């Protein structure tokens, strides 16, 4: 069996997961593990929710991030996080 691997120099094939905090009304500070490539200069990006802790330990879903304003000179950065989580 032969395997061929191709890569693009500017992308990371398997980025490490990062943790994002989700604070709903009746649960406080339960982290979700989000896996995906977060390209901060892109306007729209999507990442997968792969797990969590506490009541979110079997969580699945996605995070859609949209950048509205990115001004390097003034240091203003505005983005919207749309989180959809399914858990049991």
C-alpha atoms as a PDB file:
ATOM      1  CA  UNK A   1       0.000   0.000   0.000  1.00  0.00           C
ATOM      2  CA  UNK A   2       1.415   3.365  -0.985  1.00  0.00           C
ATOM      3  CA  UNK A   3       0.472   6.684   0.618  1.00  0.00           C
ATOM      4  CA  UNK A   4       0.931  10.051  -1.040  1.00  0.00           C
ATOM      5  CA  UNK A   5       0.842  13.217   1.008  1.00  0.00           C
ATOM      6  CA  UNK A   6       0.437  16.716  -0.370  1.00  0.00           C
ATOM      7  CA  UNK A   7       0.534  19.874   1.688  1.00  0.00           C
ATOM      8  CA  UNK A   8       0.114  23.575   1.127  1.00  0.00           C
ATOM      9  CA  UNK A   9       2.914  25.587   2.752  1.00  0.00           C
ATOM     10  CA  UNK A  10       0.638  28.223   4.315  1.00  0.00           C
ATOM     11  CA  UNK A  11      -1.889  25.887   5.968  1.00  0.00           C
ATOM     12  CA  UNK A  12      -1.532  23.587   8.948  1.00  0.00           C
ATOM     13  CA  UNK A  13      -3.000  20.133   8.218  1.00  0.00           C
ATOM     14  CA  UNK A  14      -3.825  19.181  11.826  1.00  0.00           C
ATOM     15  CA  UNK A  15      -3.933  22.254  14.061  1.00  0.00           C
ATOM     16  CA  UNK A  16      -4.028  21.733  17.824  1.00  0.00           C
ATOM     17  CA  UNK A  17      -7.441  22.174  19.469  1.00  0.00           C
ATOM     18  CA  UNK A  18      -8.110  25.306  21.438  1.00  0.00           C
ATOM     19  CA  UNK A  19     -10.554  25.684  24.297  1.00  0.00           C
ATOM     20  CA  UNK A  20     -13.311  28.240  24.315  1.00  0.00           C
ATOM     21  CA  UNK A  21     -15.508  29.111  27.286  1.00  0.00           C
ATOM     22  CA  UNK A  22     -19.251  28.908  26.925  1.00  0.00           C
ATOM     23  CA  UNK A  23     -21.301  30.481  29.711  1.00  0.00           C
ATOM     24  CA  UNK A  24     -25.027  29.701  29.358  1.00  0.00           C
ATOM     25  CA  UNK A  25     -27.593  30.937  31.852  1.00  0.00           C
ATOM     26  CA  UNK A  26     -27.805  27.847  34.087  1.00  0.00           C
ATOM     27  CA  UNK A  27     -24.265  26.433  33.651  1.00  0.00           C
ATOM     28  CA  UNK A  28     -21.221  28.495  34.550  1.00  0.00           C
ATOM     29  CA  UNK A  29     -17.804  28.271  32.931  1.00  0.00           C
ATOM     30  CA  UNK A  30     -18.038  24.891  31.228  1.00  0.00           C
ATOM     31  CA  UNK A  31     -15.326  24.712  28.529  1.00  0.00           C
ATOM     32  CA  UNK A  32     -15.858  23.282  25.065  1.00  0.00           C
ATOM     33  CA  UNK A  33     -13.041  21.847  22.945  1.00  0.00           C
ATOM     34  CA  UNK A  34     -13.066  23.412  19.495  1.00  0.00           C
ATOM     35  CA  UNK A  35     -10.988  21.964  16.670  1.00  0.00           C
ATOM     36  CA  UNK A  36     -10.283  23.805  13.453  1.00  0.00           C
ATOM     37  CA  UNK A  37      -8.122  26.308  11.693  1.00  0.00           C
ATOM     38  CA  UNK A  38      -8.752  29.820  12.960  1.00  0.00           C
ATOM     39  CA  UNK A  39      -7.469  32.192  10.291  1.00  0.00           C
ATOM     40  CA  UNK A  40      -7.955  35.563  12.029  1.00  0.00           C
ATOM     41  CA  UNK A  41      -7.771  37.609   8.831  1.00  0.00           C
ATOM     42  CA  UNK A  42     -10.662  35.698   7.212  1.00  0.00           C
ATOM     43  CA  UNK A  43     -14.117  37.257   7.406  1.00  0.00           C
ATOM     44  CA  UNK A  44     -16.029  33.975   7.918  1.00  0.00           C
ATOM     45  CA  UNK A  45     -14.713  30.766   9.425  1.00  0.00           C
ATOM     46  CA  UNK A  46     -16.180  27.570  10.878  1.00  0.00           C
ATOM     47  CA  UNK A  47     -14.770  25.165  13.441  1.00  0.00           C
ATOM     48  CA  UNK A  48     -16.054  21.943  14.986  1.00  0.00           C
ATOM     49  CA  UNK A  49     -16.907  21.351  18.629  1.00  0.00           C
ATOM     50  CA  UNK A  50     -15.407  17.949  19.426  1.00  0.00           C
ATOM     51  CA  UNK A  51     -15.994  17.598  23.190  1.00  0.00           C
ATOM     52  CA  UNK A  52     -16.422  19.431  26.460  1.00  0.00           C
ATOM     53  CA  UNK A  53     -16.419  18.902  30.211  1.00  0.00           C
ATOM     54  CA  UNK A  54     -19.063  18.631  32.891  1.00  0.00           C
ATOM     55  CA  UNK A  55     -22.539  18.582  31.375  1.00  0.00           C
ATOM     56  CA  UNK A  56     -20.967  19.147  27.927  1.00  0.00           C
ATOM     57  CA  UNK A  57     -18.740  16.030  27.989  1.00  0.00           C
ATOM     58  CA  UNK A  58     -20.446  14.483  24.932  1.00  0.00           C
ATOM     59  CA  UNK A  59     -20.941  17.795  23.146  1.00  0.00           C
ATOM     60  CA  UNK A  60     -20.890  18.066  19.365  1.00  0.00           C
ATOM     61  CA  UNK A  61     -21.563  21.054  17.178  1.00  0.00           C
ATOM     62  CA  UNK A  62     -19.913  23.932  15.397  1.00  0.00           C
ATOM     63  CA  UNK A  63     -18.739  27.490  15.928  1.00  0.00           C
ATOM     64  CA  UNK A  64     -19.175  30.056  13.171  1.00  0.00           C
ATOM     65  CA  UNK A  65     -17.039  33.168  13.613  1.00  0.00           C
ATOM     66  CA  UNK A  66     -17.575  36.337  11.604  1.00  0.00           C
ATOM     67  CA  UNK A  67     -15.227  39.324  11.790  1.00  0.00           C
ATOM     68  CA  UNK A  68     -16.942  42.695  11.543  1.00  0.00           C
ATOM     69  CA  UNK A  69     -14.070  45.063  12.297  1.00  0.00           C
ATOM     70  CA  UNK A  70     -10.314  44.536  12.406  1.00  0.00           C
ATOM     71  CA  UNK A  71      -8.365  47.762  12.804  1.00  0.00           C
ATOM     72  CA  UNK A  72      -4.704  47.134  13.600  1.00  0.00           C
ATOM     73  CA  UNK A  73      -3.842  50.810  14.122  1.00  0.00           C
ATOM     74  CA  UNK A  74      -6.435  51.423  16.857  1.00  0.00           C
ATOM     75  CA  UNK A  75      -6.427  47.863  18.215  1.00  0.00           C
ATOM     76  CA  UNK A  76     -10.185  47.434  17.725  1.00  0.00           C
ATOM     77  CA  UNK A  77     -11.282  43.887  16.866  1.00  0.00           C
ATOM     78  CA  UNK A  78     -14.991  42.988  16.705  1.00  0.00           C
ATOM     79  CA  UNK A  79     -16.203  39.492  15.899  1.00  0.00           C
ATOM     80  CA  UNK A  80     -19.390  37.467  16.348  1.00  0.00           C
ATOM     81  CA  UNK A  81     -19.345  33.872  17.636  1.00  0.00           C
ATOM     82  CA  UNK A  82     -22.383  31.800  16.637  1.00  0.00           C
ATOM     83  CA  UNK A  83     -22.235  28.572  18.669  1.00  0.00           C
ATOM     84  CA  UNK A  84     -24.497  25.559  18.063  1.00  0.00           C
ATOM     85  CA  UNK A  85     -24.069  22.748  20.599  1.00  0.00           C
ATOM     86  CA  UNK A  86     -25.793  19.376  20.851  1.00  0.00           C
ATOM     87  CA  UNK A  87     -25.264  17.429  24.077  1.00  0.00           C
ATOM     88  CA  UNK A  88     -26.987  14.719  26.070  1.00  0.00           C
END
